[in-house]
Amino acid sequence: MSFGPRLRTRGGATLRKRWTRVVSTLRRPHKCPRCSAMKVRRISVGIWRCRKCGFTFAGGAYQPQTKLGKLAAR
C-alpha cells in the first residue's frame, strides 16, 4: 500500500518511505488489551477504542502501545 501520492513531489523518497511505514502501522489491526480481539481502531491522536468490547484507552499517536509504554508496564 502506497501513501506517497498524498505527499506529491515534496520531501523526497526518504520522507515518502517513512510516511508509508507510519501510516501502514496505523491502519493495520491491533490487539485489544482487555478482550484480545484484533479490533482496535484509533479514534484520535493517542485515543484508541476496541470495536468489539468498546474499551477506550490512551496509547501512542500511531500505535496503541509504544516502546516506552511496554517498558513502563513491566
PDB file of N, CA and C in Angstrom:
ATOM      1  N   MET A   1       0.841  -1.155   0.000  1.00  0.00           N
ATOM      2  CA  MET A   1       0.000   0.000   0.000  1.00  0.00           C
ATOM      3  C   MET A   1       0.897   1.232   0.000  1.00  0.00           C
ATOM      4  N   SER A   2       0.638   2.154  -0.901  1.00  0.00           N
ATOM      5  CA  SER A   2       1.488   3.329  -1.010  1.00  0.00           C
ATOM      6  C   SER A   2       0.710   4.587  -0.659  1.00  0.00           C
ATOM      7  N   PHE A   3       1.301   5.407   0.182  1.00  0.00           N
ATOM      8  CA  PHE A   3       0.689   6.664   0.562  1.00  0.00           C
ATOM      9  C   PHE A   3       1.505   7.828   0.027  1.00  0.00           C
ATOM     10  N   GLY A   4       2.441   7.541  -0.844  1.00  0.00           N
ATOM     11  CA  GLY A   4       3.310   8.560  -1.398  1.00  0.00           C
ATOM     12  C   GLY A   4       2.596   9.638  -2.199  1.00  0.00           C
ATOM     13  N   PRO A   5       1.583   9.306  -3.010  1.00  0.00           N
ATOM     14  CA  PRO A   5       0.905  10.343  -3.784  1.00  0.00           C
ATOM     15  C   PRO A   5       0.263  11.429  -2.923  1.00  0.00           C
ATOM     16  N   ARG A   6      -0.017  11.137  -1.691  1.00  0.00           N
ATOM     17  CA  ARG A   6      -0.594  12.140  -0.804  1.00  0.00           C
ATOM     18  C   ARG A   6       0.395  13.286  -0.588  1.00  0.00           C
ATOM     19  N   LEU A   7       1.702  12.985  -0.609  1.00  0.00           N
ATOM     20  CA  LEU A   7       2.728  13.996  -0.378  1.00  0.00           C
ATOM     21  C   LEU A   7       3.186  14.669  -1.668  1.00  0.00           C
ATOM     22  N   ARG A   8       2.722  14.216  -2.805  1.00  0.00           N
ATOM     23  CA  ARG A   8       3.106  14.703  -4.125  1.00  0.00           C
ATOM     24  C   ARG A   8       4.620  14.656  -4.306  1.00  0.00           C
ATOM     25  N   THR A   9       5.226  15.728  -4.738  1.00  0.00           N
ATOM     26  CA  THR A   9       6.658  15.689  -5.013  1.00  0.00           C
ATOM     27  C   THR A   9       7.488  16.219  -3.852  1.00  0.00           C
ATOM     28  N   ARG A  10       6.872  16.646  -2.782  1.00  0.00           N
ATOM     29  CA  ARG A  10       7.618  17.262  -1.689  1.00  0.00           C
ATOM     30  C   ARG A  10       8.273  16.219  -0.790  1.00  0.00           C
ATOM     31  N   GLY A  11       9.445  16.539  -0.302  1.00  0.00           N
ATOM     32  CA  GLY A  11      10.083  15.730   0.719  1.00  0.00           C
ATOM     33  C   GLY A  11      11.068  14.690   0.235  1.00  0.00           C
ATOM     34  N   GLY A  12      10.903  14.192  -0.952  1.00  0.00           N
ATOM     35  CA  GLY A  12      11.826  13.191  -1.455  1.00  0.00           C
ATOM     36  C   GLY A  12      11.417  11.776  -1.078  1.00  0.00           C
ATOM     37  N   ALA A  13      12.213  10.826  -1.526  1.00  0.00           N
ATOM     38  CA  ALA A  13      11.894   9.410  -1.361  1.00  0.00           C
ATOM     39  C   ALA A  13      11.956   8.964   0.091  1.00  0.00           C
ATOM     40  N   THR A  14      12.909   9.481   0.859  1.00  0.00           N
ATOM     41  CA  THR A  14      13.055   9.063   2.254  1.00  0.00           C
ATOM     42  C   THR A  14      11.823   9.423   3.064  1.00  0.00           C
ATOM     43  N   LEU A  15      11.320  10.627   2.870  1.00  0.00           N
ATOM     44  CA  LEU A  15      10.132  11.060   3.588  1.00  0.00           C
ATOM     45  C   LEU A  15       8.909  10.234   3.192  1.00  0.00           C
ATOM     46  N   ARG A  16       8.770   9.937   1.898  1.00  0.00           N
ATOM     47  CA  ARG A  16       7.635   9.127   1.443  1.00  0.00           C
ATOM     48  C   ARG A  16       7.693   7.717   2.015  1.00  0.00           C
ATOM     49  N   LYS A  17       8.879   7.121   2.084  1.00  0.00           N
ATOM     50  CA  LYS A  17       9.020   5.777   2.658  1.00  0.00           C
ATOM     51  C   LYS A  17       8.695   5.783   4.144  1.00  0.00           C
ATOM     52  N   ARG A  18       9.149   6.807   4.867  1.00  0.00           N
ATOM     53  CA  ARG A  18       8.864   6.917   6.293  1.00  0.00           C
ATOM     54  C   ARG A  18       7.364   7.103   6.526  1.00  0.00           C
ATOM     55  N   TRP A  19       6.726   7.942   5.716  1.00  0.00           N
ATOM     56  CA  TRP A  19       5.289   8.182   5.825  1.00  0.00           C
ATOM     57  C   TRP A  19       4.506   6.896   5.549  1.00  0.00           C
ATOM     58  N   THR A  20       4.922   6.137   4.551  1.00  0.00           N
ATOM     59  CA  THR A  20       4.265   4.874   4.231  1.00  0.00           C
ATOM     60  C   THR A  20       4.357   3.901   5.399  1.00  0.00           C
ATOM     61  N   ARG A  21       5.518   3.814   6.043  1.00  0.00           N
ATOM     62  CA  ARG A  21       5.697   2.913   7.182  1.00  0.00           C
ATOM     63  C   ARG A  21       4.823   3.333   8.365  1.00  0.00           C
ATOM     64  N   VAL A  22       4.751   4.617   8.650  1.00  0.00           N
ATOM     65  CA  VAL A  22       3.948   5.108   9.777  1.00  0.00           C
ATOM     66  C   VAL A  22       2.465   4.868   9.535  1.00  0.00           C
ATOM     67  N   VAL A  23       1.982   5.201   8.363  1.00  0.00           N
ATOM     68  CA  VAL A  23       0.558   5.064   8.072  1.00  0.00           C
ATOM     69  C   VAL A  23       0.156   3.597   7.977  1.00  0.00           C
ATOM     70  N   SER A  24       1.032   2.734   7.479  1.00  0.00           N
ATOM     71  CA  SER A  24       0.674   1.315   7.406  1.00  0.00           C
ATOM     72  C   SER A  24       0.577   0.698   8.802  1.00  0.00           C
ATOM     73  N   THR A  25       1.409   1.134   9.755  1.00  0.00           N
ATOM     74  CA  THR A  25       1.266   0.630  11.125  1.00  0.00           C
ATOM     75  C   THR A  25       0.016   1.192  11.781  1.00  0.00           C
ATOM     76  N   LEU A  26      -0.380   2.387  11.386  1.00  0.00           N
ATOM     77  CA  LEU A  26      -1.599   2.986  11.929  1.00  0.00           C
ATOM     78  C   LEU A  26      -2.839   2.240  11.448  1.00  0.00           C
ATOM     79  N   ARG A  27      -2.865   1.856  10.184  1.00  0.00           N
ATOM     80  CA  ARG A  27      -4.059   1.263   9.575  1.00  0.00           C
ATOM     81  C   ARG A  27      -4.244  -0.231   9.874  1.00  0.00           C
ATOM     82  N   ARG A  28      -3.184  -0.929  10.229  1.00  0.00           N
ATOM     83  CA  ARG A  28      -3.319  -2.376  10.442  1.00  0.00           C
ATOM     84  C   ARG A  28      -4.125  -2.664  11.716  1.00  0.00           C
ATOM     85  N   PRO A  29      -4.714  -3.852  11.825  1.00  0.00           N
ATOM     86  CA  PRO A  29      -5.477  -4.192  13.038  1.00  0.00           C
ATOM     87  C   PRO A  29      -4.562  -4.377  14.242  1.00  0.00           C
ATOM     88  N   HIS A  30      -5.032  -3.914  15.395  1.00  0.00           N
ATOM     89  CA  HIS A  30      -4.271  -4.018  16.630  1.00  0.00           C
ATOM     90  C   HIS A  30      -5.067  -4.814  17.653  1.00  0.00           C
ATOM     91  N   LYS A  31      -4.362  -5.371  18.625  1.00  0.00           N
ATOM     92  CA  LYS A  31      -4.961  -6.247  19.626  1.00  0.00           C
ATOM     93  C   LYS A  31      -5.487  -5.441  20.813  1.00  0.00           C
ATOM     94  N   CYS A  32      -6.697  -5.775  21.259  1.00  0.00           N
ATOM     95  CA  CYS A  32      -7.308  -5.111  22.409  1.00  0.00           C
ATOM     96  C   CYS A  32      -6.664  -5.632  23.700  1.00  0.00           C
ATOM     97  N   PRO A  33      -6.277  -4.738  24.623  1.00  0.00           N
ATOM     98  CA  PRO A  33      -5.675  -5.195  25.873  1.00  0.00           C
ATOM     99  C   PRO A  33      -6.668  -5.857  26.823  1.00  0.00           C
ATOM    100  N   ARG A  34      -7.965  -5.633  26.623  1.00  0.00           N
ATOM    101  CA  ARG A  34      -8.968  -6.211  27.509  1.00  0.00           C
ATOM    102  C   ARG A  34      -9.507  -7.545  26.989  1.00  0.00           C
ATOM    103  N   CYS A  35      -9.966  -7.584  25.734  1.00  0.00           N
ATOM    104  CA  CYS A  35     -10.610  -8.805  25.225  1.00  0.00           C
ATOM    105  C   CYS A  35      -9.733  -9.573  24.230  1.00  0.00           C
ATOM    106  N   SER A  36      -8.573  -9.072  23.878  1.00  0.00           N
ATOM    107  CA  SER A  36      -7.606  -9.698  22.965  1.00  0.00           C
ATOM    108  C   SER A  36      -8.108  -9.859  21.535  1.00  0.00           C
ATOM    109  N   ALA A  37      -9.158  -9.133  21.168  1.00  0.00           N
ATOM    110  CA  ALA A  37      -9.637  -9.167  19.791  1.00  0.00           C
ATOM    111  C   ALA A  37      -8.804  -8.213  18.942  1.00  0.00           C
ATOM    112  N   MET A  38      -8.662  -8.529  17.683  1.00  0.00           N
ATOM    113  CA  MET A  38      -7.903  -7.672  16.770  1.00  0.00           C
ATOM    114  C   MET A  38      -8.834  -6.617  16.167  1.00  0.00           C
ATOM    115  N   LYS A  39      -9.469  -5.821  17.025  1.00  0.00           N
ATOM    116  CA  LYS A  39     -10.485  -4.870  16.581  1.00  0.00           C
ATOM    117  C   LYS A  39     -10.228  -3.443  17.052  1.00  0.00           C
ATOM    118  N   VAL A  40      -9.001  -3.107  17.399  1.00  0.00           N
ATOM    119  CA  VAL A  40      -8.713  -1.779  17.938  1.00  0.00           C
ATOM    120  C   VAL A  40      -8.483  -0.796  16.798  1.00  0.00           C
ATOM    121  N   ARG A  41      -9.161   0.349  16.880  1.00  0.00           N
ATOM    122  CA  ARG A  41      -9.019   1.419  15.905  1.00  0.00           C
ATOM    123  C   ARG A  41      -8.692   2.721  16.612  1.00  0.00           C
ATOM    124  N   ARG A  42      -8.031   3.610  15.923  1.00  0.00           N
ATOM    125  CA  ARG A  42      -7.697   4.907  16.504  1.00  0.00           C
ATOM    126  C   ARG A  42      -8.871   5.858  16.346  1.00  0.00           C
ATOM    127  N   ILE A  43      -9.264   6.501  17.441  1.00  0.00           N
ATOM    128  CA  ILE A  43     -10.341   7.485  17.422  1.00  0.00           C
ATOM    129  C   ILE A  43      -9.762   8.860  17.085  1.00  0.00           C
ATOM    130  N   SER A  44      -8.738   9.264  17.784  1.00  0.00           N
ATOM    131  CA  SER A  44      -8.000  10.491  17.503  1.00  0.00           C
ATOM    132  C   SER A  44      -6.560  10.259  17.952  1.00  0.00           C
ATOM    133  N   VAL A  45      -5.756  11.307  17.956  1.00  0.00           N
ATOM    134  CA  VAL A  45      -4.339  11.150  18.294  1.00  0.00           C
ATOM    135  C   VAL A  45      -4.197  10.654  19.730  1.00  0.00           C
ATOM    136  N   GLY A  46      -3.716   9.430  19.891  1.00  0.00           N
ATOM    137  CA  GLY A  46      -3.480   8.865  21.216  1.00  0.00           C
ATOM    138  C   GLY A  46      -4.686   8.214  21.865  1.00  0.00           C
ATOM    139  N   ILE A  47      -5.861   8.244  21.247  1.00  0.00           N
ATOM    140  CA  ILE A  47      -7.074   7.635  21.800  1.00  0.00           C
ATOM    141  C   ILE A  47      -7.446   6.445  20.924  1.00  0.00           C
ATOM    142  N   TRP A  48      -7.573   5.283  21.543  1.00  0.00           N
ATOM    143  CA  TRP A  48      -7.855   4.036  20.836  1.00  0.00           C
ATOM    144  C   TRP A  48      -9.090   3.381  21.414  1.00  0.00           C
ATOM    145  N   ARG A  49      -9.878   2.690  20.571  1.00  0.00           N
ATOM    146  CA  ARG A  49     -11.098   2.027  21.025  1.00  0.00           C
ATOM    147  C   ARG A  49     -11.245   0.672  20.347  1.00  0.00           C
ATOM    148  N   CYS A  50     -11.633  -0.320  21.157  1.00  0.00           N
ATOM    149  CA  CYS A  50     -11.914  -1.654  20.631  1.00  0.00           C
ATOM    150  C   CYS A  50     -13.327  -1.658  20.069  1.00  0.00           C
ATOM    151  N   ARG A  51     -13.490  -2.157  18.867  1.00  0.00           N
ATOM    152  CA  ARG A  51     -14.804  -2.186  18.236  1.00  0.00           C
ATOM    153  C   ARG A  51     -15.647  -3.361  18.714  1.00  0.00           C
ATOM    154  N   LYS A  52     -15.023  -4.306  19.401  1.00  0.00           N
ATOM    155  CA  LYS A  52     -15.770  -5.455  19.907  1.00  0.00           C
ATOM    156  C   LYS A  52     -16.339  -5.189  21.294  1.00  0.00           C
ATOM    157  N   CYS A  53     -15.473  -4.813  22.249  1.00  0.00           N
ATOM    158  CA  CYS A  53     -15.932  -4.644  23.634  1.00  0.00           C
ATOM    159  C   CYS A  53     -16.158  -3.183  24.018  1.00  0.00           C
ATOM    160  N   GLY A  54     -15.746  -2.232  23.169  1.00  0.00           N
ATOM    161  CA  GLY A  54     -15.960  -0.822  23.453  1.00  0.00           C
ATOM    162  C   GLY A  54     -14.960  -0.205  24.410  1.00  0.00           C
ATOM    163  N   PHE A  55     -13.900  -0.914  24.755  1.00  0.00           N
ATOM    164  CA  PHE A  55     -12.884  -0.422  25.682  1.00  0.00           C
ATOM    165  C   PHE A  55     -12.101   0.714  25.028  1.00  0.00           C
ATOM    166  N   THR A  56     -12.062   1.867  25.690  1.00  0.00           N
ATOM    167  CA  THR A  56     -11.331   3.029  25.203  1.00  0.00           C
ATOM    168  C   THR A  56     -10.123   3.253  26.096  1.00  0.00           C
ATOM    169  N   PHE A  57      -8.977   3.486  25.483  1.00  0.00           N
ATOM    170  CA  PHE A  57      -7.762   3.667  26.261  1.00  0.00           C
ATOM    171  C   PHE A  57      -6.816   4.617  25.539  1.00  0.00           C
ATOM    172  N   ALA A  58      -5.844   5.123  26.290  1.00  0.00           N
ATOM    173  CA  ALA A  58      -4.836   6.025  25.735  1.00  0.00           C
ATOM    174  C   ALA A  58      -3.614   5.225  25.316  1.00  0.00           C
ATOM    175  N   GLY A  59      -3.012   5.635  24.238  1.00  0.00           N
ATOM    176  CA  GLY A  59      -1.815   4.976  23.743  1.00  0.00           C
ATOM    177  C   GLY A  59      -0.957   5.960  22.984  1.00  0.00           C
ATOM    178  N   GLY A  60      -0.188   5.453  22.061  1.00  0.00           N
ATOM    179  CA  GLY A  60       0.668   6.309  21.254  1.00  0.00           C
ATOM    180  C   GLY A  60      -0.111   6.966  20.129  1.00  0.00           C
ATOM    181  N   ALA A  61       0.535   7.857  19.415  1.00  0.00           N
ATOM    182  CA  ALA A  61      -0.119   8.567  18.328  1.00  0.00           C
ATOM    183  C   ALA A  61      -0.399   7.650  17.137  1.00  0.00           C
ATOM    184  N   TYR A  62       0.508   6.734  16.856  1.00  0.00           N
ATOM    185  CA  TYR A  62       0.362   5.868  15.691  1.00  0.00           C
ATOM    186  C   TYR A  62       0.248   4.398  16.040  1.00  0.00           C
ATOM    187  N   GLN A  63       0.489   4.023  17.289  1.00  0.00           N
ATOM    188  CA  GLN A  63       0.363   2.648  17.759  1.00  0.00           C
ATOM    189  C   GLN A  63      -0.331   2.668  19.110  1.00  0.00           C
ATOM    190  N   PRO A  64      -1.142   1.664  19.416  1.00  0.00           N
ATOM    191  CA  PRO A  64      -1.824   1.648  20.710  1.00  0.00           C
ATOM    192  C   PRO A  64      -0.873   1.533  21.889  1.00  0.00           C
ATOM    193  N   GLN A  65       0.261   0.897  21.696  1.00  0.00           N
ATOM    194  CA  GLN A  65       1.226   0.771  22.777  1.00  0.00           C
ATOM    195  C   GLN A  65       2.614   1.098  22.232  1.00  0.00           C
ATOM    196  N   THR A  66       3.285   2.036  22.877  1.00  0.00           N
ATOM    197  CA  THR A  66       4.606   2.460  22.431  1.00  0.00           C
ATOM    198  C   THR A  66       5.688   1.628  23.114  1.00  0.00           C
ATOM    199  N   LYS A  67       6.906   1.771  22.652  1.00  0.00           N
ATOM    200  CA  LYS A  67       8.026   1.057  23.273  1.00  0.00           C
ATOM    201  C   LYS A  67       8.211   1.504  24.713  1.00  0.00           C
ATOM    202  N   LEU A  68       8.049   2.789  24.970  1.00  0.00           N
ATOM    203  CA  LEU A  68       8.177   3.314  26.322  1.00  0.00           C
ATOM    204  C   LEU A  68       7.043   2.806  27.214  1.00  0.00           C
ATOM    205  N   GLY A  69       5.840   2.667  26.651  1.00  0.00           N
ATOM    206  CA  GLY A  69       4.715   2.132  27.412  1.00  0.00           C
ATOM    207  C   GLY A  69       4.914   0.672  27.786  1.00  0.00           C
ATOM    208  N   LYS A  70       5.496  -0.100  26.887  1.00  0.00           N
ATOM    209  CA  LYS A  70       5.793  -1.501  27.188  1.00  0.00           C
ATOM    210  C   LYS A  70       6.835  -1.610  28.291  1.00  0.00           C
ATOM    211  N   LEU A  71       7.818  -0.727  28.254  1.00  0.00           N
ATOM    212  CA  LEU A  71       8.858  -0.716  29.272  1.00  0.00           C
ATOM    213  C   LEU A  71       8.282  -0.328  30.635  1.00  0.00           C
ATOM    214  N   ALA A  72       7.379   0.625  30.667  1.00  0.00           N
ATOM    215  CA  ALA A  72       6.779   1.075  31.922  1.00  0.00           C
ATOM    216  C   ALA A  72       5.825   0.035  32.501  1.00  0.00           C
ATOM    217  N   ALA A  73       5.235  -0.799  31.655  1.00  0.00           N
ATOM    218  CA  ALA A  73       4.276  -1.803  32.121  1.00  0.00           C
ATOM    219  C   ALA A  73       4.954  -2.997  32.782  1.00  0.00           C
ATOM    220  N   ARG A  74       6.274  -3.137  32.599  1.00  0.00           N
ATOM    221  CA  ARG A  74       6.984  -4.278  33.181  1.00  0.00           C
ATOM    222  C   ARG A  74       7.043  -4.224  34.676  1.00  0.00           C
TER     223      ARG A  74
END
